[in-house]
PDB file of N, CA and C in Angstrom:
ATOM      1  N   UNK A   1     118.098 134.790 101.514  1.00  0.00           N
ATOM      2  CA  UNK A   1     117.282 133.809 100.611  1.00  0.00           C
ATOM      3  C   UNK A   1     116.526 133.045 101.365  1.00  0.00           C
ATOM      4  N   UNK A   2     115.370 132.732 100.849  1.00  0.00           N
ATOM      5  CA  UNK A   2     114.141 131.736 101.495  1.00  0.00           C
ATOM      6  C   UNK A   2     114.827 130.560 101.431  1.00  0.00           C
ATOM      7  N   UNK A   3     114.367 129.881 102.335  1.00  0.00           N
ATOM      8  CA  UNK A   3     114.755 128.195 102.334  1.00  0.00           C
ATOM      9  C   UNK A   3     114.339 127.580 101.253  1.00  0.00           C
ATOM     10  N   UNK A   4     113.306 127.509 100.645  1.00  0.00           N
ATOM     11  CA  UNK A   4     112.842 127.017  99.719  1.00  0.00           C
ATOM     12  C   UNK A   4     113.729 127.181  98.496  1.00  0.00           C
ATOM     13  N   UNK A   5     113.992 128.199  98.208  1.00  0.00           N
ATOM     14  CA  UNK A   5     114.830 128.562  97.239  1.00  0.00           C
ATOM     15  C   UNK A   5     116.190 127.963  97.375  1.00  0.00           C
ATOM     16  N   UNK A   6     116.868 128.092  98.456  1.00  0.00           N
ATOM     17  CA  UNK A   6     117.941 127.083  98.864  1.00  0.00           C
ATOM     18  C   UNK A   6     118.037 125.625  98.480  1.00  0.00           C
ATOM     19  N   UNK A   7     116.729 125.063  98.895  1.00  0.00           N
ATOM     20  CA  UNK A   7     116.550 123.720  98.714  1.00  0.00           C
ATOM     21  C   UNK A   7     116.499 123.360  97.130  1.00  0.00           C
ATOM     22  N   UNK A   8     115.869 124.322  96.448  1.00  0.00           N
ATOM     23  CA  UNK A   8     115.783 123.714  95.064  1.00  0.00           C
ATOM     24  C   UNK A   8     117.037 124.261  94.457  1.00  0.00           C
ATOM     25  N   UNK A   9     117.698 124.990  94.652  1.00  0.00           N
ATOM     26  CA  UNK A   9     119.107 125.226  93.851  1.00  0.00           C
ATOM     27  C   UNK A   9     119.969 124.030  94.384  1.00  0.00           C
ATOM     28  N   UNK A  10     120.020 123.630  95.764  1.00  0.00           N
ATOM     29  CA  UNK A  10     120.690 122.639  96.216  1.00  0.00           C
ATOM     30  C   UNK A  10     120.287 121.086  95.410  1.00  0.00           C
ATOM     31  N   UNK A  11     118.916 120.812  95.184  1.00  0.00           N
ATOM     32  CA  UNK A  11     118.520 120.006  94.355  1.00  0.00           C
ATOM     33  C   UNK A  11     118.623 120.033  93.153  1.00  0.00           C
ATOM     34  N   UNK A  12     118.593 120.991  92.432  1.00  0.00           N
ATOM     35  CA  UNK A  12     119.044 121.241  91.047  1.00  0.00           C
ATOM     36  C   UNK A  12     120.507 120.822  90.621  1.00  0.00           C
ATOM     37  N   UNK A  13     121.572 121.478  91.499  1.00  0.00           N
ATOM     38  CA  UNK A  13     122.964 121.030  91.240  1.00  0.00           C
ATOM     39  C   UNK A  13     122.960 119.658  91.514  1.00  0.00           C
ATOM     40  N   UNK A  14     122.476 118.874  92.661  1.00  0.00           N
ATOM     41  CA  UNK A  14     122.624 117.715  92.550  1.00  0.00           C
ATOM     42  C   UNK A  14     121.785 116.623  91.268  1.00  0.00           C
ATOM     43  N   UNK A  15     120.979 117.121  90.999  1.00  0.00           N
ATOM     44  CA  UNK A  15     120.261 116.536  89.570  1.00  0.00           C
ATOM     45  C   UNK A  15     121.465 116.561  88.651  1.00  0.00           C
ATOM     46  N   UNK A  16     122.018 117.842  88.830  1.00  0.00           N
ATOM     47  CA  UNK A  16     122.953 118.124  87.277  1.00  0.00           C
ATOM     48  C   UNK A  16     124.167 117.133  87.427  1.00  0.00           C
ATOM     49  N   UNK A  17     124.454 116.921  88.665  1.00  0.00           N
ATOM     50  CA  UNK A  17     125.884 116.064  88.961  1.00  0.00           C
ATOM     51  C   UNK A  17     125.369 114.585  88.519  1.00  0.00           C
ATOM     52  N   UNK A  18     124.106 114.111  88.854  1.00  0.00           N
ATOM     53  CA  UNK A  18     124.046 112.589  88.601  1.00  0.00           C
ATOM     54  C   UNK A  18     123.636 112.565  87.361  1.00  0.00           C
ATOM     55  N   UNK A  19     123.350 113.625  86.570  1.00  0.00           N
ATOM     56  CA  UNK A  19     123.043 113.695  85.011  1.00  0.00           C
ATOM     57  C   UNK A  19     124.401 113.565  84.355  1.00  0.00           C
ATOM     58  N   UNK A  20     125.733 114.229  84.959  1.00  0.00           N
ATOM     59  CA  UNK A  20     127.056 114.213  84.339  1.00  0.00           C
ATOM     60  C   UNK A  20     127.504 112.858  84.671  1.00  0.00           C
ATOM     61  N   UNK A  21     127.277 112.329  86.023  1.00  0.00           N
ATOM     62  CA  UNK A  21     127.614 110.858  86.103  1.00  0.00           C
ATOM     63  C   UNK A  21     126.793 110.054  84.921  1.00  0.00           C
ATOM     64  N   UNK A  22     125.710 110.115  84.915  1.00  0.00           N
ATOM     65  CA  UNK A  22     124.682 109.390  83.728  1.00  0.00           C
ATOM     66  C   UNK A  22     125.585 109.362  82.687  1.00  0.00           C
ATOM     67  N   UNK A  23     125.814 110.437  81.958  1.00  0.00           N
ATOM     68  CA  UNK A  23     126.305 110.714  80.831  1.00  0.00           C
ATOM     69  C   UNK A  23     127.874 110.146  80.575  1.00  0.00           C
ATOM     70  N   UNK A  24     128.383 110.172  81.678  1.00  0.00           N
ATOM     71  CA  UNK A  24     129.806 109.534  81.732  1.00  0.00           C
ATOM     72  C   UNK A  24     129.650 108.061  81.596  1.00  0.00           C
ATOM     73  N   UNK A  25     128.410 107.495  82.340  1.00  0.00           N
ATOM     74  CA  UNK A  25     128.366 106.103  82.273  1.00  0.00           C
ATOM     75  C   UNK A  25     128.366 105.616  80.781  1.00  0.00           C
ATOM     76  N   UNK A  26     127.245 106.655  80.200  1.00  0.00           N
ATOM     77  CA  UNK A  26     126.983 106.157  78.783  1.00  0.00           C
ATOM     78  C   UNK A  26     128.023 106.134  77.900  1.00  0.00           C
ATOM     79  N   UNK A  27     129.115 107.255  77.908  1.00  0.00           N
ATOM     80  CA  UNK A  27     130.178 107.179  77.326  1.00  0.00           C
ATOM     81  C   UNK A  27     130.868 106.285  77.643  1.00  0.00           C
ATOM     82  N   UNK A  28     131.007 106.102  78.752  1.00  0.00           N
ATOM     83  CA  UNK A  28     131.967 104.763  79.570  1.00  0.00           C
ATOM     84  C   UNK A  28     131.609 103.394  78.867  1.00  0.00           C
ATOM     85  N   UNK A  29     130.276 103.077  78.918  1.00  0.00           N
ATOM     86  CA  UNK A  29     129.855 101.723  78.321  1.00  0.00           C
ATOM     87  C   UNK A  29     129.473 101.791  76.961  1.00  0.00           C
ATOM     88  N   UNK A  30     129.808 102.923  76.201  1.00  0.00           N
ATOM     89  CA  UNK A  30     129.418 102.975  74.814  1.00  0.00           C
ATOM     90  C   UNK A  30     128.005 102.572  74.548  1.00  0.00           C
ATOM     91  N   UNK A  31     127.166 103.086  74.684  1.00  0.00           N
ATOM     92  CA  UNK A  31     125.637 102.635  74.674  1.00  0.00           C
ATOM     93  C   UNK A  31     125.672 102.971  73.321  1.00  0.00           C
ATOM     94  N   UNK A  32     125.022 102.147  72.534  1.00  0.00           N
ATOM     95  CA  UNK A  32     124.540 102.269  71.308  1.00  0.00           C
ATOM     96  C   UNK A  32     125.584 102.922  70.440  1.00  0.00           C
ATOM     97  N   UNK A  33     127.062 103.121  70.550  1.00  0.00           N
ATOM     98  CA  UNK A  33     127.968 103.616  69.913  1.00  0.00           C
ATOM     99  C   UNK A  33     128.014 105.099  69.959  1.00  0.00           C
ATOM    100  N   UNK A  34     127.391 105.409  71.162  1.00  0.00           N
ATOM    101  CA  UNK A  34     127.262 106.765  71.482  1.00  0.00           C
ATOM    102  C   UNK A  34     128.660 107.622  71.423  1.00  0.00           C
ATOM    103  N   UNK A  35     129.663 106.955  72.172  1.00  0.00           N
ATOM    104  CA  UNK A  35     131.116 107.493  72.412  1.00  0.00           C
ATOM    105  C   UNK A  35     131.563 107.851  70.650  1.00  0.00           C
ATOM    106  N   UNK A  36     131.337 106.540  70.253  1.00  0.00           N
ATOM    107  CA  UNK A  36     132.067 107.010  68.785  1.00  0.00           C
ATOM    108  C   UNK A  36     131.028 107.994  67.941  1.00  0.00           C
ATOM    109  N   UNK A  37     130.395 108.127  67.993  1.00  0.00           N
ATOM    110  CA  UNK A  37     129.160 109.243  67.456  1.00  0.00           C
ATOM    111  C   UNK A  37     129.524 110.487  67.949  1.00  0.00           C
ATOM    112  N   UNK A  38     129.688 110.458  69.091  1.00  0.00           N
ATOM    113  CA  UNK A  38     130.304 112.067  69.860  1.00  0.00           C
ATOM    114  C   UNK A  38     131.389 112.301  69.671  1.00  0.00           C
ATOM    115  N   UNK A  39     132.461 111.384  69.794  1.00  0.00           N
ATOM    116  CA  UNK A  39     133.917 111.769  69.248  1.00  0.00           C
ATOM    117  C   UNK A  39     134.533 111.777  68.115  1.00  0.00           C
ATOM    118  N   UNK A  40     133.522 111.123  67.082  1.00  0.00           N
ATOM    119  CA  UNK A  40     133.944 111.210  65.722  1.00  0.00           C
ATOM    120  C   UNK A  40     133.326 112.442  64.922  1.00  0.00           C
ATOM    121  N   UNK A  41     132.502 113.437  65.671  1.00  0.00           N
ATOM    122  CA  UNK A  41     131.789 114.144  65.131  1.00  0.00           C
ATOM    123  C   UNK A  41     132.507 115.382  65.076  1.00  0.00           C
ATOM    124  N   UNK A  42     132.297 116.491  64.428  1.00  0.00           N
ATOM    125  CA  UNK A  42     132.980 118.000  64.678  1.00  0.00           C
ATOM    126  C   UNK A  42     132.120 118.917  65.592  1.00  0.00           C
ATOM    127  N   UNK A  43     130.560 118.081  65.920  1.00  0.00           N
ATOM    128  CA  UNK A  43     129.685 118.932  66.728  1.00  0.00           C
ATOM    129  C   UNK A  43     129.600 117.917  67.647  1.00  0.00           C
ATOM    130  N   UNK A  44     130.622 117.144  68.248  1.00  0.00           N
ATOM    131  CA  UNK A  44     130.488 116.060  69.206  1.00  0.00           C
ATOM    132  C   UNK A  44     130.071 116.637  70.674  1.00  0.00           C
ATOM    133  N   UNK A  45     131.076 117.744  70.781  1.00  0.00           N
ATOM    134  CA  UNK A  45     130.924 118.564  72.201  1.00  0.00           C
ATOM    135  C   UNK A  45     129.574 119.134  72.468  1.00  0.00           C
ATOM    136  N   UNK A  46     128.975 119.803  71.252  1.00  0.00           N
ATOM    137  CA  UNK A  46     127.712 120.257  71.261  1.00  0.00           C
ATOM    138  C   UNK A  46     126.426 119.361  71.865  1.00  0.00           C
ATOM    139  N   UNK A  47     126.778 118.005  70.885  1.00  0.00           N
ATOM    140  CA  UNK A  47     125.787 117.046  71.526  1.00  0.00           C
ATOM    141  C   UNK A  47     126.035 116.192  72.665  1.00  0.00           C
ATOM    142  N   UNK A  48     127.057 116.200  73.163  1.00  0.00           N
ATOM    143  CA  UNK A  48     127.684 115.916  74.660  1.00  0.00           C
ATOM    144  C   UNK A  48     127.108 117.324  75.553  1.00  0.00           C
ATOM    145  N   UNK A  49     127.148 118.455  75.249  1.00  0.00           N
ATOM    146  CA  UNK A  49     126.307 119.290  76.031  1.00  0.00           C
ATOM    147  C   UNK A  49     125.106 119.198  76.266  1.00  0.00           C
ATOM    148  N   UNK A  50     124.163 119.004  74.955  1.00  0.00           N
ATOM    149  CA  UNK A  50     123.035 118.689  74.632  1.00  0.00           C
ATOM    150  C   UNK A  50     122.347 117.868  75.669  1.00  0.00           C
ATOM    151  N   UNK A  51     122.955 116.369  75.702  1.00  0.00           N
ATOM    152  CA  UNK A  51     122.402 115.475  76.416  1.00  0.00           C
ATOM    153  C   UNK A  51     122.896 115.812  77.867  1.00  0.00           C
ATOM    154  N   UNK A  52     123.946 116.145  78.386  1.00  0.00           N
ATOM    155  CA  UNK A  52     124.211 116.546  79.623  1.00  0.00           C
ATOM    156  C   UNK A  52     123.050 117.367  80.316  1.00  0.00           C
ATOM    157  N   UNK A  53     122.746 118.432  79.249  1.00  0.00           N
ATOM    158  CA  UNK A  53     121.343 119.308  80.111  1.00  0.00           C
ATOM    159  C   UNK A  53     120.264 118.839  79.945  1.00  0.00           C
ATOM    160  N   UNK A  54     119.817 118.036  78.566  1.00  0.00           N
ATOM    161  CA  UNK A  54     118.424 117.818  79.027  1.00  0.00           C
ATOM    162  C   UNK A  54     118.424 116.421  79.896  1.00  0.00           C
ATOM    163  N   UNK A  55     119.439 115.640  80.304  1.00  0.00           N
ATOM    164  CA  UNK A  55     119.298 114.651  81.360  1.00  0.00           C
ATOM    165  C   UNK A  55     119.121 115.457  82.781  1.00  0.00           C
ATOM    166  N   UNK A  56     120.382 116.527  82.670  1.00  0.00           N
ATOM    167  CA  UNK A  56     120.190 117.214  84.016  1.00  0.00           C
ATOM    168  C   UNK A  56     118.713 117.989  84.274  1.00  0.00           C
ATOM    169  N   UNK A  57     118.075 118.533  83.274  1.00  0.00           N
ATOM    170  CA  UNK A  57     116.828 118.877  83.311  1.00  0.00           C
ATOM    171  C   UNK A  57     116.064 117.845  84.118  1.00  0.00           C
ATOM    172  N   UNK A  58     115.733 116.517  83.399  1.00  0.00           N
ATOM    173  CA  UNK A  58     115.139 115.441  84.299  1.00  0.00           C
ATOM    174  C   UNK A  58     115.615 115.262  85.484  1.00  0.00           C
ATOM    175  N   UNK A  59     116.870 114.849  85.763  1.00  0.00           N
ATOM    176  CA  UNK A  59     117.376 114.245  86.939  1.00  0.00           C
ATOM    177  C   UNK A  59     116.964 115.454  87.893  1.00  0.00           C
ATOM    178  N   UNK A  60     117.398 116.900  87.593  1.00  0.00           N
ATOM    179  CA  UNK A  60     117.098 117.786  88.572  1.00  0.00           C
ATOM    180  C   UNK A  60     115.375 117.834  89.001  1.00  0.00           C
ATOM    181  N   UNK A  61     114.385 117.608  88.194  1.00  0.00           N
ATOM    182  CA  UNK A  61     113.134 117.556  88.709  1.00  0.00           C
ATOM    183  C   UNK A  61     112.932 116.472  89.472  1.00  0.00           C
ATOM    184  N   UNK A  62     113.353 114.959  88.985  1.00  0.00           N
ATOM    185  CA  UNK A  62     113.439 114.332  89.569  1.00  0.00           C
ATOM    186  C   UNK A  62     113.605 114.437  91.256  1.00  0.00           C
ATOM    187  N   UNK A  63     114.860 114.858  91.327  1.00  0.00           N
ATOM    188  CA  UNK A  63     115.498 115.041  92.642  1.00  0.00           C
ATOM    189  C   UNK A  63     114.934 116.087  93.593  1.00  0.00           C
ATOM    190  N   UNK A  64     114.260 117.212  92.740  1.00  0.00           N
ATOM    191  CA  UNK A  64     113.393 118.054  93.685  1.00  0.00           C
ATOM    192  C   UNK A  64     112.015 117.503  93.977  1.00  0.00           C
ATOM    193  N   UNK A  65     111.559 116.673  93.153  1.00  0.00           N
ATOM    194  CA  UNK A  65     110.070 116.240  93.334  1.00  0.00           C
ATOM    195  C   UNK A  65     110.160 114.975  94.887  1.00  0.00           C
ATOM    196  N   UNK A  66     111.286 114.535  94.698  1.00  0.00           N
ATOM    197  CA  UNK A  66     111.541 113.334  95.788  1.00  0.00           C
ATOM    198  C   UNK A  66     111.935 114.455  97.274  1.00  0.00           C
ATOM    199  N   UNK A  67     112.532 115.530  96.975  1.00  0.00           N
ATOM    200  CA  UNK A  67     113.001 116.140  98.270  1.00  0.00           C
ATOM    201  C   UNK A  67     111.921 116.677  98.939  1.00  0.00           C
ATOM    202  N   UNK A  68     110.768 117.185  97.979  1.00  0.00           N
ATOM    203  CA  UNK A  68     109.619 117.998  98.160  1.00  0.00           C
ATOM    204  C   UNK A  68     108.493 116.951  99.033  1.00  0.00           C
ATOM    205  N   UNK A  69     108.296 115.468  98.141  1.00  0.00           N
ATOM    206  CA  UNK A  69     107.550 114.745  98.739  1.00  0.00           C
ATOM    207  C   UNK A  69     108.225 113.803 100.060  1.00  0.00           C
ATOM    208  N   UNK A  70     109.406 113.900 100.227  1.00  0.00           N
ATOM    209  CA  UNK A  70     109.821 113.372 101.313  1.00  0.00           C
ATOM    210  C   UNK A  70     109.546 114.332 102.749  1.00  0.00           C
ATOM    211  N   UNK A  71     109.171 115.675 102.417  1.00  0.00           N
ATOM    212  CA  UNK A  71     108.791 116.597 103.377  1.00  0.00           C
ATOM    213  C   UNK A  71     107.642 116.112 104.248  1.00  0.00           C
ATOM    214  N   UNK A  72     106.714 115.519 103.742  1.00  0.00           N
ATOM    215  CA  UNK A  72     105.678 115.141 104.055  1.00  0.00           C
ATOM    216  C   UNK A  72     105.643 114.633 105.621  1.00  0.00           C
ATOM    217  N   UNK A  73     104.327 115.406 106.250  1.00  0.00           N
ATOM    218  CA  UNK A  73     104.549 114.410 107.758  1.00  0.00           C
ATOM    219  C   UNK A  73     103.819 113.350 107.771  1.00  0.00           C
ATOM    220  N   UNK A  74     104.491 112.174 108.448  1.00  0.00           N
ATOM    221  CA  UNK A  74     104.105 110.792 108.765  1.00  0.00           C
ATOM    222  C   UNK A  74     102.682 111.003 109.490  1.00  0.00           C
ATOM    223  N   UNK A  75     101.634 110.240 108.927  1.00  0.00           N
ATOM    224  CA  UNK A  75     100.414 110.394 109.486  1.00  0.00           C
ATOM    225  C   UNK A  75     100.433 109.084 110.025  1.00  0.00           C
ATOM    226  N   UNK A  76     100.088 109.057 111.502  1.00  0.00           N
ATOM    227  CA  UNK A  76      99.928 107.741 112.177  1.00  0.00           C
ATOM    228  C   UNK A  76      98.919 106.857 111.610  1.00  0.00           C
ATOM    229  N   UNK A  77      99.651 105.416 111.908  1.00  0.00           N
ATOM    230  CA  UNK A  77      98.850 104.332 111.200  1.00  0.00           C
ATOM    231  C   UNK A  77      97.552 103.714 112.435  1.00  0.00           C
ATOM    232  N   UNK A  78      97.032 104.500 113.188  1.00  0.00           N
ATOM    233  CA  UNK A  78      96.103 104.060 113.901  1.00  0.00           C
ATOM    234  C   UNK A  78      94.673 103.938 113.153  1.00  0.00           C
ATOM    235  N   UNK A  79      94.015 103.189 113.470  1.00  0.00           N
ATOM    236  CA  UNK A  79      92.533 103.393 112.900  1.00  0.00           C
ATOM    237  C   UNK A  79      91.944 104.429 113.010  1.00  0.00           C
ATOM    238  N   UNK A  80      90.898 105.102 112.257  1.00  0.00           N
ATOM    239  CA  UNK A  80      90.302 106.350 112.613  1.00  0.00           C
ATOM    240  C   UNK A  80      88.969 106.193 113.054  1.00  0.00           C
ATOM    241  N   UNK A  81      88.224 104.896 113.132  1.00  0.00           N
ATOM    242  CA  UNK A  81      87.121 104.886 113.805  1.00  0.00           C
ATOM    243  C   UNK A  81      86.216 104.990 112.891  1.00  0.00           C
ATOM    244  N   UNK A  82      84.852 105.094 112.971  1.00  0.00           N
ATOM    245  CA  UNK A  82      83.565 104.843 112.132  1.00  0.00           C
ATOM    246  C   UNK A  82      82.975 103.710 112.076  1.00  0.00           C
ATOM    247  N   UNK A  83      82.465 103.587 111.127  1.00  0.00           N
ATOM    248  CA  UNK A  83      81.312 102.440 110.752  1.00  0.00           C
ATOM    249  C   UNK A  83      81.751 101.792 109.604  1.00  0.00           C
ATOM    250  N   UNK A  84      81.580 100.521 109.638  1.00  0.00           N
ATOM    251  CA  UNK A  84      82.005  99.966 108.423  1.00  0.00           C
ATOM    252  C   UNK A  84      80.768  99.843 107.749  1.00  0.00           C
ATOM    253  N   UNK A  85      80.827 100.198 106.488  1.00  0.00           N
ATOM    254  CA  UNK A  85      79.367 100.388 105.335  1.00  0.00           C
ATOM    255  C   UNK A  85      79.502  99.142 104.401  1.00  0.00           C
ATOM    256  N   UNK A  86      78.587  98.192 104.741  1.00  0.00           N
ATOM    257  CA  UNK A  86      78.607  97.067 103.957  1.00  0.00           C
ATOM    258  C   UNK A  86      77.171  96.997 103.049  1.00  0.00           C
ATOM    259  N   UNK A  87      77.148  96.575 102.052  1.00  0.00           N
ATOM    260  CA  UNK A  87      75.805  96.491 101.583  1.00  0.00           C
ATOM    261  C   UNK A  87      75.131  95.354 101.959  1.00  0.00           C
ATOM    262  N   UNK A  88      73.746  95.195 102.123  1.00  0.00           N
ATOM    263  CA  UNK A  88      73.021  93.873 102.283  1.00  0.00           C
ATOM    264  C   UNK A  88      72.607  93.502 101.017  1.00  0.00           C
ATOM    265  N   UNK A  89      73.271  92.476 100.685  1.00  0.00           N
ATOM    266  CA  UNK A  89      72.718  91.914  99.362  1.00  0.00           C
ATOM    267  C   UNK A  89      71.961  90.614  99.628  1.00  0.00           C
ATOM    268  N   UNK A  90      70.918  90.850  98.974  1.00  0.00           N
ATOM    269  CA  UNK A  90      69.775  89.748  99.165  1.00  0.00           C
ATOM    270  C   UNK A  90      69.914  89.002  97.781  1.00  0.00           C
ATOM    271  N   UNK A  91      70.012  87.535  97.479  1.00  0.00           N
ATOM    272  CA  UNK A  91      69.471  87.320  96.303  1.00  0.00           C
ATOM    273  C   UNK A  91      67.890  87.221  95.926  1.00  0.00           C
ATOM    274  N   UNK A  92      68.013  87.502  94.793  1.00  0.00           N
ATOM    275  CA  UNK A  92      66.251  87.831  93.818  1.00  0.00           C
ATOM    276  C   UNK A  92      66.000  86.820  92.900  1.00  0.00           C
ATOM    277  N   UNK A  93      64.936  85.910  92.829  1.00  0.00           N
ATOM    278  CA  UNK A  93      64.672  85.115  91.712  1.00  0.00           C
ATOM    279  C   UNK A  93      64.007  85.469  90.709  1.00  0.00           C
ATOM    280  N   UNK A  94      64.700  85.399  89.314  1.00  0.00           N
ATOM    281  CA  UNK A  94      64.466  86.018  88.201  1.00  0.00           C
ATOM    282  C   UNK A  94      63.808  85.002  87.384  1.00  0.00           C
ATOM    283  N   UNK A  95      62.556  85.019  86.782  1.00  0.00           N
ATOM    284  CA  UNK A  95      61.943  84.241  85.713  1.00  0.00           C
ATOM    285  C   UNK A  95      62.543  83.939  84.820  1.00  0.00           C
ATOM    286  N   UNK A  96      62.872  82.807  84.204  1.00  0.00           N
ATOM    287  CA  UNK A  96      63.443  83.058  83.103  1.00  0.00           C
ATOM    288  C   UNK A  96      62.426  82.384  81.798  1.00  0.00           C
ATOM    289  N   UNK A  97      62.179  83.438  80.525  1.00  0.00           N
ATOM    290  CA  UNK A  97      61.368  83.275  79.959  1.00  0.00           C
ATOM    291  C   UNK A  97      61.794  82.879  78.295  1.00  0.00           C
ATOM    292  N   UNK A  98      61.222  81.903  77.854  1.00  0.00           N
ATOM    293  CA  UNK A  98      61.392  81.707  76.411  1.00  0.00           C
ATOM    294  C   UNK A  98      61.080  82.815  75.266  1.00  0.00           C
ATOM    295  N   UNK A  99      61.905  83.226  74.788  1.00  0.00           N
ATOM    296  CA  UNK A  99      61.742  84.236  73.559  1.00  0.00           C
ATOM    297  C   UNK A  99      61.889  83.795  72.143  1.00  0.00           C
ATOM    298  N   UNK A 100      61.366  84.093  70.992  1.00  0.00           N
ATOM    299  CA  UNK A 100      61.505  84.140  69.831  1.00  0.00           C
ATOM    300  C   UNK A 100      62.535  84.776  69.651  1.00  0.00           C
ATOM    301  N   UNK A 101      63.590  84.120  68.826  1.00  0.00           N
ATOM    302  CA  UNK A 101      64.842  85.053  68.097  1.00  0.00           C
ATOM    303  C   UNK A 101      64.279  85.638  66.906  1.00  0.00           C
ATOM    304  N   UNK A 102      64.751  86.973  66.863  1.00  0.00           N
ATOM    305  CA  UNK A 102      64.616  87.325  65.814  1.00  0.00           C
ATOM    306  C   UNK A 102      65.108  87.339  64.472  1.00  0.00           C
ATOM    307  N   UNK A 103      66.061  86.277  64.666  1.00  0.00           N
ATOM    308  CA  UNK A 103      67.023  85.975  63.230  1.00  0.00           C
ATOM    309  C   UNK A 103      66.250  84.513  63.010  1.00  0.00           C
TER     310      UNK A 103
END
């Protein structure tokens, strides 16, 4: 199996574990009465599974994006050289004229 696929599977698994912890905290702290809604409904397990799955997709995407972006090579912080380009600003006098207002 290619190394990139292994990294993807590993990071998706981490994302779903983090989502499970997050949903557990949501239920533990009873955010917006969510625990009462889930355990008081006959479709509560379905709702719990959907909340975990949707959050798992989000957290897995974030985890994989973080892993990919952290693979970037560090560029040296040295000056790259070149010339500084600065505009030559010269003040110009403009004559102000009185005009009749149309209104």
